[in-house]
C-alpha cells in the first residue's frame, strides 16, 4: 500500500534542503555555461576583428605590388636603333600574385568568422531564453517552494507540540474506558461503552474491539462518537477546506485521496494534519467500505 504520512516532518526538512542544493547546483552550472559562452563569443569577435585587419593589410600589399609592377613595366627603354627593351618584371609579378592570394585567403577567413559569429549569437539568444525560464524555476519558484515548506514544517511542528500535550489524554481515553466514563458521566448525558455493539445513542462514546477486515494501514485509537446533523455538516466543511489547503501547493497529489485515519463521521478531527494520510483512490475505497459497513451494523 502506498501512503504518505503527513506526520513525518523530517521529510519536509529533507525536501527543503534538497531544493536548496538543486537550486545552488543549477545556478553554478548555468554560471559556468555562461562564462564559457562569453569566452567563445569574445574569441570569435576577436577573430573577426583580426581578419578584418588582415584583409585591410592584404589590400595594401596588393596595391603596393601592383604599383611596383607598373613601375617595373614602365622602366623599359628604346636603344639608338629604336628597339624597345622590355624589363624583366617576373619578380614583381610573383609578389603581386602572392599578395592577391593572401588577400583572398584573408577575405575567406573573414567570411567564415563572421558566419560563425552570427550563428553563435543566434544560438546564444535561443539559449538565454531557455535559461531565463530555468532561472525562474530554480530561483523564484524554488525559493517560494522552500518558503512554503519552511512555513508548513513550522506549522506542523507547532501542531505537533500542541498535540503532544493532549496525546497522553487521548491514549488514556482509548485504553481505559472507565476513566473516560468518570470524566464525562458526571457532567453530560454521554457515556462510554466497551464495544460499539452496545452503543444505544449517537452521543455514546465507544471503543472498537473487532477490527476484522480493516485495511492494512494506520488504525485510529478512539474513543469514537457518531456525529450527525449540523455538527457533521460543519465538520465536513472544515475537512474539505483543510484538504484543499494541503492539495493546492502540491500538484503531485492529483489523483490521490486524503483520508482521515479517525473518520470525521466518528468524531475524528477534520483539520488535524496528524489525522490525515494520502492514499490511492482504490485504497481509499477499501477504508470507506469498511467504515460504511461498520456504520450500517451500528444502525
C-alpha atoms as a PDB file:
ATOM      1  CA  UNK A   1       0.000   0.000   0.000  1.00  0.00           C
ATOM      2  CA  UNK A   2       1.337   3.422  -0.977  1.00  0.00           C
ATOM      3  CA  UNK A   3       0.766   6.036   1.746  1.00  0.00           C
ATOM      4  CA  UNK A   4       2.171   9.416   2.684  1.00  0.00           C
ATOM      5  CA  UNK A   5       2.348  10.031   6.425  1.00  0.00           C
ATOM      6  CA  UNK A   6       1.849  13.762   6.961  1.00  0.00           C
ATOM      7  CA  UNK A   7       3.324  13.447  10.448  1.00  0.00           C
ATOM      8  CA  UNK A   8       6.824  12.893   9.069  1.00  0.00           C
ATOM      9  CA  UNK A   9       8.050  16.499   9.394  1.00  0.00           C
ATOM     10  CA  UNK A  10      11.655  15.469   8.720  1.00  0.00           C
ATOM     11  CA  UNK A  11      10.631  14.670   5.133  1.00  0.00           C
ATOM     12  CA  UNK A  12       9.670  18.321   4.627  1.00  0.00           C
ATOM     13  CA  UNK A  13      13.032  19.418   6.009  1.00  0.00           C
ATOM     14  CA  UNK A  14      14.870  16.979   3.725  1.00  0.00           C
ATOM     15  CA  UNK A  15      12.874  18.188   0.724  1.00  0.00           C
ATOM     16  CA  UNK A  16      13.618  21.811   1.603  1.00  0.00           C
ATOM     17  CA  UNK A  17      17.366  21.054   1.811  1.00  0.00           C
ATOM     18  CA  UNK A  18      17.223  19.127  -1.479  1.00  0.00           C
ATOM     19  CA  UNK A  19      15.535  22.074  -3.188  1.00  0.00           C
ATOM     20  CA  UNK A  20      18.296  24.336  -1.895  1.00  0.00           C
ATOM     21  CA  UNK A  21      21.005  22.013  -3.226  1.00  0.00           C
ATOM     22  CA  UNK A  22      19.224  21.712  -6.568  1.00  0.00           C
ATOM     23  CA  UNK A  23      18.885  25.486  -6.940  1.00  0.00           C
ATOM     24  CA  UNK A  24      22.512  26.098  -5.933  1.00  0.00           C
ATOM     25  CA  UNK A  25      23.875  23.407  -8.245  1.00  0.00           C
ATOM     26  CA  UNK A  26      21.774  24.577 -11.167  1.00  0.00           C
ATOM     27  CA  UNK A  27      22.865  28.174 -10.699  1.00  0.00           C
ATOM     28  CA  UNK A  28      26.516  27.103 -10.637  1.00  0.00           C
ATOM     29  CA  UNK A  29      26.131  25.072 -13.841  1.00  0.00           C
ATOM     30  CA  UNK A  30      24.362  27.928 -15.606  1.00  0.00           C
ATOM     31  CA  UNK A  31      27.030  30.389 -14.491  1.00  0.00           C
ATOM     32  CA  UNK A  32      29.790  28.105 -15.789  1.00  0.00           C
ATOM     33  CA  UNK A  33      27.973  27.714 -19.114  1.00  0.00           C
ATOM     34  CA  UNK A  34      27.505  31.491 -19.365  1.00  0.00           C
ATOM     35  CA  UNK A  35      31.230  32.053 -18.778  1.00  0.00           C
ATOM     36  CA  UNK A  36      32.184  29.531 -21.456  1.00  0.00           C
ATOM     37  CA  UNK A  37      29.746  31.050 -23.952  1.00  0.00           C
ATOM     38  CA  UNK A  38      31.094  34.503 -23.206  1.00  0.00           C
ATOM     39  CA  UNK A  39      34.703  33.355 -23.758  1.00  0.00           C
ATOM     40  CA  UNK A  40      33.785  31.671 -27.048  1.00  0.00           C
ATOM     41  CA  UNK A  41      31.886  34.719 -28.310  1.00  0.00           C
ATOM     42  CA  UNK A  42      34.709  37.051 -27.321  1.00  0.00           C
ATOM     43  CA  UNK A  43      37.184  34.805 -29.160  1.00  0.00           C
ATOM     44  CA  UNK A  44      35.045  34.834 -32.314  1.00  0.00           C
ATOM     45  CA  UNK A  45      34.677  38.614 -32.157  1.00  0.00           C
ATOM     46  CA  UNK A  46      38.444  38.917 -31.784  1.00  0.00           C
ATOM     47  CA  UNK A  47      38.893  36.631 -34.838  1.00  0.00           C
ATOM     48  CA  UNK A  48      36.542  38.785 -36.907  1.00  0.00           C
ATOM     49  CA  UNK A  49      38.478  41.910 -35.968  1.00  0.00           C
ATOM     50  CA  UNK A  50      41.780  40.109 -36.661  1.00  0.00           C
ATOM     51  CA  UNK A  51      40.788  39.072 -40.176  1.00  0.00           C
ATOM     52  CA  UNK A  52      39.313  42.478 -40.889  1.00  0.00           C
ATOM     53  CA  UNK A  53      42.729  43.964 -40.095  1.00  0.00           C
ATOM     54  CA  UNK A  54      44.453  41.299 -42.186  1.00  0.00           C
ATOM     55  CA  UNK A  55      42.168  41.991 -45.152  1.00  0.00           C
ATOM     56  CA  UNK A  56      42.995  45.682 -44.983  1.00  0.00           C
ATOM     57  CA  UNK A  57      46.718  44.909 -44.743  1.00  0.00           C
ATOM     58  CA  UNK A  58      46.494  42.442 -47.646  1.00  0.00           C
ATOM     59  CA  UNK A  59      44.727  45.020 -49.790  1.00  0.00           C
ATOM     60  CA  UNK A  60      47.501  47.492 -49.094  1.00  0.00           C
ATOM     61  CA  UNK A  61      50.078  44.872 -50.066  1.00  0.00           C
ATOM     62  CA  UNK A  62      48.205  44.176 -53.302  1.00  0.00           C
ATOM     63  CA  UNK A  63      48.080  47.891 -54.094  1.00  0.00           C
ATOM     64  CA  UNK A  64      51.791  48.227 -53.387  1.00  0.00           C
ATOM     65  CA  UNK A  65      52.639  45.170 -55.512  1.00  0.00           C
ATOM     66  CA  UNK A  66      50.523  46.490 -58.379  1.00  0.00           C
ATOM     67  CA  UNK A  67      52.322  49.846 -58.182  1.00  0.00           C
ATOM     68  CA  UNK A  68      55.699  48.074 -58.182  1.00  0.00           C
ATOM     69  CA  UNK A  69      54.709  46.023 -61.216  1.00  0.00           C
ATOM     70  CA  UNK A  70      53.522  49.084 -63.113  1.00  0.00           C
ATOM     71  CA  UNK A  71      56.727  50.918 -62.230  1.00  0.00           C
ATOM     72  CA  UNK A  72      58.803  47.959 -63.453  1.00  0.00           C
ATOM     73  CA  UNK A  73      56.865  47.696 -66.673  1.00  0.00           C
ATOM     74  CA  UNK A  74      57.297  51.424 -67.244  1.00  0.00           C
ATOM     75  CA  UNK A  75      61.069  51.123 -66.871  1.00  0.00           C
ATOM     76  CA  UNK A  76      61.546  49.741 -70.411  1.00  0.00           C
ATOM     77  CA  UNK A  77      63.587  51.802 -72.903  1.00  0.00           C
ATOM     78  CA  UNK A  78      64.463  52.110 -76.589  1.00  0.00           C
ATOM     79  CA  UNK A  79      68.021  51.983 -77.850  1.00  0.00           C
ATOM     80  CA  UNK A  80      69.611  54.192 -80.545  1.00  0.00           C
ATOM     81  CA  UNK A  81      68.310  51.889 -83.198  1.00  0.00           C
ATOM     82  CA  UNK A  82      64.737  52.283 -81.925  1.00  0.00           C
ATOM     83  CA  UNK A  83      64.335  48.834 -80.483  1.00  0.00           C
ATOM     84  CA  UNK A  84      62.252  48.649 -77.261  1.00  0.00           C
ATOM     85  CA  UNK A  85      63.752  46.671 -74.381  1.00  0.00           C
ATOM     86  CA  UNK A  86      61.033  45.232 -72.116  1.00  0.00           C
ATOM     87  CA  UNK A  87      62.149  44.933 -68.479  1.00  0.00           C
ATOM     88  CA  UNK A  88      62.085  41.641 -66.576  1.00  0.00           C
ATOM     89  CA  UNK A  89      59.205  42.105 -64.102  1.00  0.00           C
ATOM     90  CA  UNK A  90      58.759  38.442 -63.206  1.00  0.00           C
ATOM     91  CA  UNK A  91      59.697  39.080 -59.567  1.00  0.00           C
ATOM     92  CA  UNK A  92      57.157  41.893 -59.194  1.00  0.00           C
ATOM     93  CA  UNK A  93      54.505  39.690 -60.846  1.00  0.00           C
ATOM     94  CA  UNK A  94      55.189  36.868 -58.360  1.00  0.00           C
ATOM     95  CA  UNK A  95      54.960  39.283 -55.448  1.00  0.00           C
ATOM     96  CA  UNK A  96      51.619  40.579 -56.755  1.00  0.00           C
ATOM     97  CA  UNK A  97      50.290  37.039 -57.180  1.00  0.00           C
ATOM     98  CA  UNK A  98      51.245  36.122 -53.617  1.00  0.00           C
ATOM     99  CA  UNK A  99      49.631  39.344 -52.297  1.00  0.00           C
ATOM    100  CA  UNK A 100      46.398  38.664 -54.240  1.00  0.00           C
ATOM    101  CA  UNK A 101      46.332  35.040 -52.972  1.00  0.00           C
ATOM    102  CA  UNK A 102      46.823  36.147 -49.365  1.00  0.00           C
ATOM    103  CA  UNK A 103      44.100  38.782 -49.740  1.00  0.00           C
ATOM    104  CA  UNK A 104      41.675  36.127 -50.977  1.00  0.00           C
ATOM    105  CA  UNK A 105      42.641  33.835 -48.090  1.00  0.00           C
ATOM    106  CA  UNK A 106      42.047  36.619 -45.547  1.00  0.00           C
ATOM    107  CA  UNK A 107      38.678  37.514 -47.083  1.00  0.00           C
ATOM    108  CA  UNK A 108      37.643  33.843 -46.941  1.00  0.00           C
ATOM    109  CA  UNK A 109      38.662  33.536 -43.281  1.00  0.00           C
ATOM    110  CA  UNK A 110      36.803  36.759 -42.507  1.00  0.00           C
ATOM    111  CA  UNK A 111      33.607  35.406 -44.076  1.00  0.00           C
ATOM    112  CA  UNK A 112      33.902  32.169 -42.066  1.00  0.00           C
ATOM    113  CA  UNK A 113      34.489  34.041 -38.774  1.00  0.00           C
ATOM    114  CA  UNK A 114      31.554  36.371 -39.451  1.00  0.00           C
ATOM    115  CA  UNK A 115      29.287  33.421 -40.297  1.00  0.00           C
ATOM    116  CA  UNK A 116      30.212  31.569 -37.087  1.00  0.00           C
ATOM    117  CA  UNK A 117      29.786  34.710 -35.043  1.00  0.00           C
ATOM    118  CA  UNK A 118      26.284  35.194 -36.468  1.00  0.00           C
ATOM    119  CA  UNK A 119      25.360  31.548 -35.819  1.00  0.00           C
ATOM    120  CA  UNK A 120      26.689  31.648 -32.272  1.00  0.00           C
ATOM    121  CA  UNK A 121      24.882  34.891 -31.439  1.00  0.00           C
ATOM    122  CA  UNK A 122      21.619  33.400 -32.721  1.00  0.00           C
ATOM    123  CA  UNK A 123      22.178  30.203 -30.712  1.00  0.00           C
ATOM    124  CA  UNK A 124      23.041  32.236 -27.612  1.00  0.00           C
ATOM    125  CA  UNK A 125      19.793  34.221 -27.937  1.00  0.00           C
ATOM    126  CA  UNK A 126      17.767  30.994 -28.058  1.00  0.00           C
ATOM    127  CA  UNK A 127      19.765  29.504 -25.190  1.00  0.00           C
ATOM    128  CA  UNK A 128      19.309  32.570 -22.990  1.00  0.00           C
ATOM    129  CA  UNK A 129      15.533  32.468 -23.449  1.00  0.00           C
ATOM    130  CA  UNK A 130      15.523  28.920 -22.097  1.00  0.00           C
ATOM    131  CA  UNK A 131      17.985  29.868 -19.356  1.00  0.00           C
ATOM    132  CA  UNK A 132      15.689  32.655 -18.160  1.00  0.00           C
ATOM    133  CA  UNK A 133      12.906  30.099 -17.724  1.00  0.00           C
ATOM    134  CA  UNK A 134      15.254  27.824 -15.817  1.00  0.00           C
ATOM    135  CA  UNK A 135      16.462  30.733 -13.677  1.00  0.00           C
ATOM    136  CA  UNK A 136      12.815  31.473 -12.824  1.00  0.00           C
ATOM    137  CA  UNK A 137      12.215  27.828 -11.951  1.00  0.00           C
ATOM    138  CA  UNK A 138      15.342  27.421  -9.822  1.00  0.00           C
ATOM    139  CA  UNK A 139      15.245  30.947  -8.425  1.00  0.00           C
ATOM    140  CA  UNK A 140      11.794  32.373  -7.793  1.00  0.00           C
ATOM    141  CA  UNK A 141       9.765  29.141  -7.894  1.00  0.00           C
ATOM    142  CA  UNK A 142      12.278  27.204  -5.809  1.00  0.00           C
ATOM    143  CA  UNK A 143      12.527  29.981  -3.219  1.00  0.00           C
ATOM    144  CA  UNK A 144       8.743  30.125  -2.983  1.00  0.00           C
ATOM    145  CA  UNK A 145       8.610  26.342  -2.605  1.00  0.00           C
ATOM    146  CA  UNK A 146      11.276  26.433   0.111  1.00  0.00           C
ATOM    147  CA  UNK A 147       9.411  29.217   1.908  1.00  0.00           C
ATOM    148  CA  UNK A 148       6.193  27.197   1.753  1.00  0.00           C
ATOM    149  CA  UNK A 149       7.947  24.067   3.049  1.00  0.00           C
ATOM    150  CA  UNK A 150       9.533  26.066   5.849  1.00  0.00           C
ATOM    151  CA  UNK A 151       6.167  27.533   6.807  1.00  0.00           C
ATOM    152  CA  UNK A 152       4.491  24.114   6.587  1.00  0.00           C
ATOM    153  CA  UNK A 153       7.177  22.414   8.678  1.00  0.00           C
ATOM    154  CA  UNK A 154       6.922  25.150  11.306  1.00  0.00           C
ATOM    155  CA  UNK A 155       3.133  24.780  11.360  1.00  0.00           C
ATOM    156  CA  UNK A 156       3.342  21.003  11.703  1.00  0.00           C
ATOM    157  CA  UNK A 157       5.921  21.377  14.473  1.00  0.00           C
ATOM    158  CA  UNK A 158       3.598  23.809  16.260  1.00  0.00           C
ATOM    159  CA  UNK A 159       0.668  21.440  15.881  1.00  0.00           C
ATOM    160  CA  UNK A 160       2.857  18.532  16.968  1.00  0.00           C
ATOM    161  CA  UNK A 161       3.913  20.369  20.107  1.00  0.00           C
ATOM    162  CA  UNK A 162       0.279  21.116  20.930  1.00  0.00           C
ATOM    163  CA  UNK A 163      -0.764  17.567  20.140  1.00  0.00           C
ATOM    164  CA  UNK A 164       1.882  16.121  22.435  1.00  0.00           C
ATOM    165  CA  UNK A 165       0.229  17.831  25.404  1.00  0.00           C
ATOM    166  CA  UNK A 166      -3.043  16.034  24.769  1.00  0.00           C
ATOM    167  CA  UNK A 167      -1.664  12.806  23.310  1.00  0.00           C
ATOM    168  CA  UNK A 168      -1.460  11.070  26.676  1.00  0.00           C
ATOM    169  CA  UNK A 169      -5.030  12.036  27.476  1.00  0.00           C
ATOM    170  CA  UNK A 170      -6.316  10.660  24.160  1.00  0.00           C
ATOM    171  CA  UNK A 171      -4.369   7.429  24.639  1.00  0.00           C
ATOM    172  CA  UNK A 172      -5.725   7.027  28.133  1.00  0.00           C
ATOM    173  CA  UNK A 173      -9.246   7.574  26.829  1.00  0.00           C
ATOM    174  CA  UNK A 174      -8.881   4.830  24.217  1.00  0.00           C
ATOM    175  CA  UNK A 175      -7.286   2.343  26.639  1.00  0.00           C
ATOM    176  CA  UNK A 176      -9.221   2.990  29.818  1.00  0.00           C
ATOM    177  CA  UNK A 177     -12.974   3.287  29.254  1.00  0.00           C
ATOM    178  CA  UNK A 178     -13.658   3.653  32.945  1.00  0.00           C
ATOM    179  CA  UNK A 179     -11.510   6.781  33.217  1.00  0.00           C
ATOM    180  CA  UNK A 180     -13.404   8.409  30.384  1.00  0.00           C
ATOM    181  CA  UNK A 181     -16.718   7.471  31.950  1.00  0.00           C
ATOM    182  CA  UNK A 182     -15.743   9.112  35.199  1.00  0.00           C
ATOM    183  CA  UNK A 183     -14.738  12.360  33.417  1.00  0.00           C
ATOM    184  CA  UNK A 184     -17.842  12.607  31.262  1.00  0.00           C
ATOM    185  CA  UNK A 185     -20.533  10.844  33.262  1.00  0.00           C
ATOM    186  CA  UNK A 186     -20.822  13.498  35.981  1.00  0.00           C
ATOM    187  CA  UNK A 187     -21.149  16.385  33.514  1.00  0.00           C
ATOM    188  CA  UNK A 188     -23.013  15.122  30.454  1.00  0.00           C
ATOM    189  CA  UNK A 189     -25.550  12.544  29.432  1.00  0.00           C
ATOM    190  CA  UNK A 190     -22.898  10.849  27.259  1.00  0.00           C
ATOM    191  CA  UNK A 191     -21.460   7.501  28.248  1.00  0.00           C
ATOM    192  CA  UNK A 192     -18.541   5.375  27.122  1.00  0.00           C
ATOM    193  CA  UNK A 193     -19.224   1.727  26.377  1.00  0.00           C
ATOM    194  CA  UNK A 194     -16.682  -1.015  25.934  1.00  0.00           C
ATOM    195  CA  UNK A 195     -17.828  -2.084  22.489  1.00  0.00           C
ATOM    196  CA  UNK A 196     -19.641  -0.394  19.613  1.00  0.00           C
ATOM    197  CA  UNK A 197     -22.190  -3.198  19.568  1.00  0.00           C
ATOM    198  CA  UNK A 198     -23.674  -1.903  22.837  1.00  0.00           C
ATOM    199  CA  UNK A 199     -23.919   1.777  21.847  1.00  0.00           C
ATOM    200  CA  UNK A 200     -27.515   2.992  22.037  1.00  0.00           C
ATOM    201  CA  UNK A 201     -27.410   6.694  21.030  1.00  0.00           C
ATOM    202  CA  UNK A 202     -25.315   8.911  18.798  1.00  0.00           C
ATOM    203  CA  UNK A 203     -23.958  10.681  21.879  1.00  0.00           C
ATOM    204  CA  UNK A 204     -22.398   7.478  23.211  1.00  0.00           C
ATOM    205  CA  UNK A 205     -18.633   7.232  23.234  1.00  0.00           C
ATOM    206  CA  UNK A 206     -17.388   3.770  22.374  1.00  0.00           C
ATOM    207  CA  UNK A 207     -14.299   1.763  21.502  1.00  0.00           C
ATOM    208  CA  UNK A 208     -13.973  -0.800  18.713  1.00  0.00           C
ATOM    209  CA  UNK A 209     -12.904  -4.294  19.723  1.00  0.00           C
ATOM    210  CA  UNK A 210     -13.373  -6.146  16.412  1.00  0.00           C
ATOM    211  CA  UNK A 211     -11.248  -4.825  13.511  1.00  0.00           C
ATOM    212  CA  UNK A 212     -11.828  -7.817  11.249  1.00  0.00           C
ATOM    213  CA  UNK A 213     -11.438  -6.878   7.572  1.00  0.00           C
ATOM    214  CA  UNK A 214      -9.867  -3.478   8.300  1.00  0.00           C
ATOM    215  CA  UNK A 215      -7.312  -2.471   5.616  1.00  0.00           C
ATOM    216  CA  UNK A 216      -3.636  -2.941   6.396  1.00  0.00           C
ATOM    217  CA  UNK A 217      -2.905   0.642   7.402  1.00  0.00           C
ATOM    218  CA  UNK A 218      -2.950   3.060  10.367  1.00  0.00           C
ATOM    219  CA  UNK A 219      -5.828   2.380  12.757  1.00  0.00           C
ATOM    220  CA  UNK A 220      -7.468   5.072  14.943  1.00  0.00           C
ATOM    221  CA  UNK A 221      -7.257   4.602  18.704  1.00  0.00           C
ATOM    222  CA  UNK A 222     -10.640   6.059  19.615  1.00  0.00           C
ATOM    223  CA  UNK A 223     -12.773   6.626  21.538  1.00  0.00           C
ATOM    224  CA  UNK A 224     -15.414   7.106  18.825  1.00  0.00           C
ATOM    225  CA  UNK A 225     -18.646   9.061  18.673  1.00  0.00           C
ATOM    226  CA  UNK A 226     -21.064   9.224  15.743  1.00  0.00           C
ATOM    227  CA  UNK A 227     -21.858  12.828  14.795  1.00  0.00           C
ATOM    228  CA  UNK A 228     -24.818  13.851  12.651  1.00  0.00           C
ATOM    229  CA  UNK A 229     -26.852  16.846  11.551  1.00  0.00           C
ATOM    230  CA  UNK A 230     -25.399  20.354  11.648  1.00  0.00           C
ATOM    231  CA  UNK A 231     -22.361  19.216  13.608  1.00  0.00           C
ATOM    232  CA  UNK A 232     -21.476  16.719  10.864  1.00  0.00           C
ATOM    233  CA  UNK A 233     -22.129  19.270   8.090  1.00  0.00           C
ATOM    234  CA  UNK A 234     -19.835  21.808   9.768  1.00  0.00           C
ATOM    235  CA  UNK A 235     -17.128  19.158  10.240  1.00  0.00           C
ATOM    236  CA  UNK A 236     -17.318  18.212   6.534  1.00  0.00           C
ATOM    237  CA  UNK A 237     -16.846  21.854   5.551  1.00  0.00           C
ATOM    238  CA  UNK A 238     -13.768  22.093   7.778  1.00  0.00           C
ATOM    239  CA  UNK A 239     -12.382  18.818   6.380  1.00  0.00           C
ATOM    240  CA  UNK A 240     -12.805  19.866   2.742  1.00  0.00           C
ATOM    241  CA  UNK A 241     -11.237  23.268   3.408  1.00  0.00           C
ATOM    242  CA  UNK A 242      -8.257  21.679   5.167  1.00  0.00           C
ATOM    243  CA  UNK A 243      -7.740  19.146   2.366  1.00  0.00           C
ATOM    244  CA  UNK A 244      -7.853  21.897  -0.272  1.00  0.00           C
ATOM    245  CA  UNK A 245      -5.146  23.750   1.683  1.00  0.00           C
ATOM    246  CA  UNK A 246      -2.989  20.589   1.564  1.00  0.00           C
ATOM    247  CA  UNK A 247      -3.627  19.940  -2.150  1.00  0.00           C
ATOM    248  CA  UNK A 248      -3.232  23.479  -3.504  1.00  0.00           C
ATOM    249  CA  UNK A 249       0.578  23.737  -3.338  1.00  0.00           C
ATOM    250  CA  UNK A 250       1.070  20.015  -4.078  1.00  0.00           C
ATOM    251  CA  UNK A 251       0.086  19.123  -7.668  1.00  0.00           C
ATOM    252  CA  UNK A 252       1.700  15.704  -7.134  1.00  0.00           C
ATOM    253  CA  UNK A 253      -1.355  14.792  -5.013  1.00  0.00           C
ATOM    254  CA  UNK A 254      -3.600  14.975  -8.078  1.00  0.00           C
ATOM    255  CA  UNK A 255      -5.305  11.580  -8.486  1.00  0.00           C
ATOM    256  CA  UNK A 256      -4.811  10.658  -4.811  1.00  0.00           C
ATOM    257  CA  UNK A 257      -7.294  10.879  -1.927  1.00  0.00           C
ATOM    258  CA  UNK A 258      -6.715  12.349   1.540  1.00  0.00           C
ATOM    259  CA  UNK A 259      -8.081  10.010   4.180  1.00  0.00           C
ATOM    260  CA  UNK A 260      -8.803  10.850   7.817  1.00  0.00           C
ATOM    261  CA  UNK A 261      -7.434   7.997   9.958  1.00  0.00           C
ATOM    262  CA  UNK A 262     -10.089   8.711  12.587  1.00  0.00           C
ATOM    263  CA  UNK A 263     -13.103   9.430  10.311  1.00  0.00           C
ATOM    264  CA  UNK A 264     -14.933  12.720  10.809  1.00  0.00           C
ATOM    265  CA  UNK A 265     -18.233  10.835  10.954  1.00  0.00           C
ATOM    266  CA  UNK A 266     -16.920   9.045  14.036  1.00  0.00           C
ATOM    267  CA  UNK A 267     -15.708  12.177  15.817  1.00  0.00           C
ATOM    268  CA  UNK A 268     -12.255  12.474  14.240  1.00  0.00           C
ATOM    269  CA  UNK A 269     -10.593  15.864  13.726  1.00  0.00           C
ATOM    270  CA  UNK A 270     -11.357  17.343  10.283  1.00  0.00           C
ATOM    271  CA  UNK A 271      -8.271  19.611  10.306  1.00  0.00           C
ATOM    272  CA  UNK A 272      -5.506  17.903  12.295  1.00  0.00           C
ATOM    273  CA  UNK A 273      -2.693  17.008   9.808  1.00  0.00           C
ATOM    274  CA  UNK A 274      -1.702  14.131  12.114  1.00  0.00           C
ATOM    275  CA  UNK A 275      -5.104  12.597  11.366  1.00  0.00           C
ATOM    276  CA  UNK A 276      -4.507  12.528   7.580  1.00  0.00           C
ATOM    277  CA  UNK A 277      -2.757  10.187   5.149  1.00  0.00           C
ATOM    278  CA  UNK A 278      -2.645  10.180   1.353  1.00  0.00           C
ATOM    279  CA  UNK A 279      -3.988   7.081  -0.392  1.00  0.00           C
ATOM    280  CA  UNK A 280      -4.684   5.930  -3.909  1.00  0.00           C
ATOM    281  CA  UNK A 281      -8.344   6.017  -4.916  1.00  0.00           C
ATOM    282  CA  UNK A 282      -8.586   2.219  -4.725  1.00  0.00           C
ATOM    283  CA  UNK A 283      -7.009   2.094  -1.262  1.00  0.00           C
ATOM    284  CA  UNK A 284      -9.316   4.837  -0.010  1.00  0.00           C
ATOM    285  CA  UNK A 285     -12.344   2.883  -1.240  1.00  0.00           C
ATOM    286  CA  UNK A 286     -11.340  -0.058   0.987  1.00  0.00           C
ATOM    287  CA  UNK A 287     -11.268   2.168   4.089  1.00  0.00           C
ATOM    288  CA  UNK A 288     -14.573   3.831   3.148  1.00  0.00           C
ATOM    289  CA  UNK A 289     -16.251   0.469   2.549  1.00  0.00           C
ATOM    290  CA  UNK A 290     -15.140  -0.842   5.973  1.00  0.00           C
ATOM    291  CA  UNK A 291     -16.397   2.221   7.863  1.00  0.00           C
ATOM    292  CA  UNK A 292     -19.724   2.297   5.937  1.00  0.00           C
ATOM    293  CA  UNK A 293     -20.280  -1.373   6.734  1.00  0.00           C
ATOM    294  CA  UNK A 294     -19.449  -0.702  10.369  1.00  0.00           C
ATOM    295  CA  UNK A 295     -21.899   2.237  10.477  1.00  0.00           C
ATOM    296  CA  UNK A 296     -24.717   0.139   8.976  1.00  0.00           C
ATOM    297  CA  UNK A 297     -24.069  -2.534  11.603  1.00  0.00           C
ATOM    298  CA  UNK A 298     -24.493   0.079  14.352  1.00  0.00           C
ATOM    299  CA  UNK A 299     -27.763   1.330  12.961  1.00  0.00           C
END
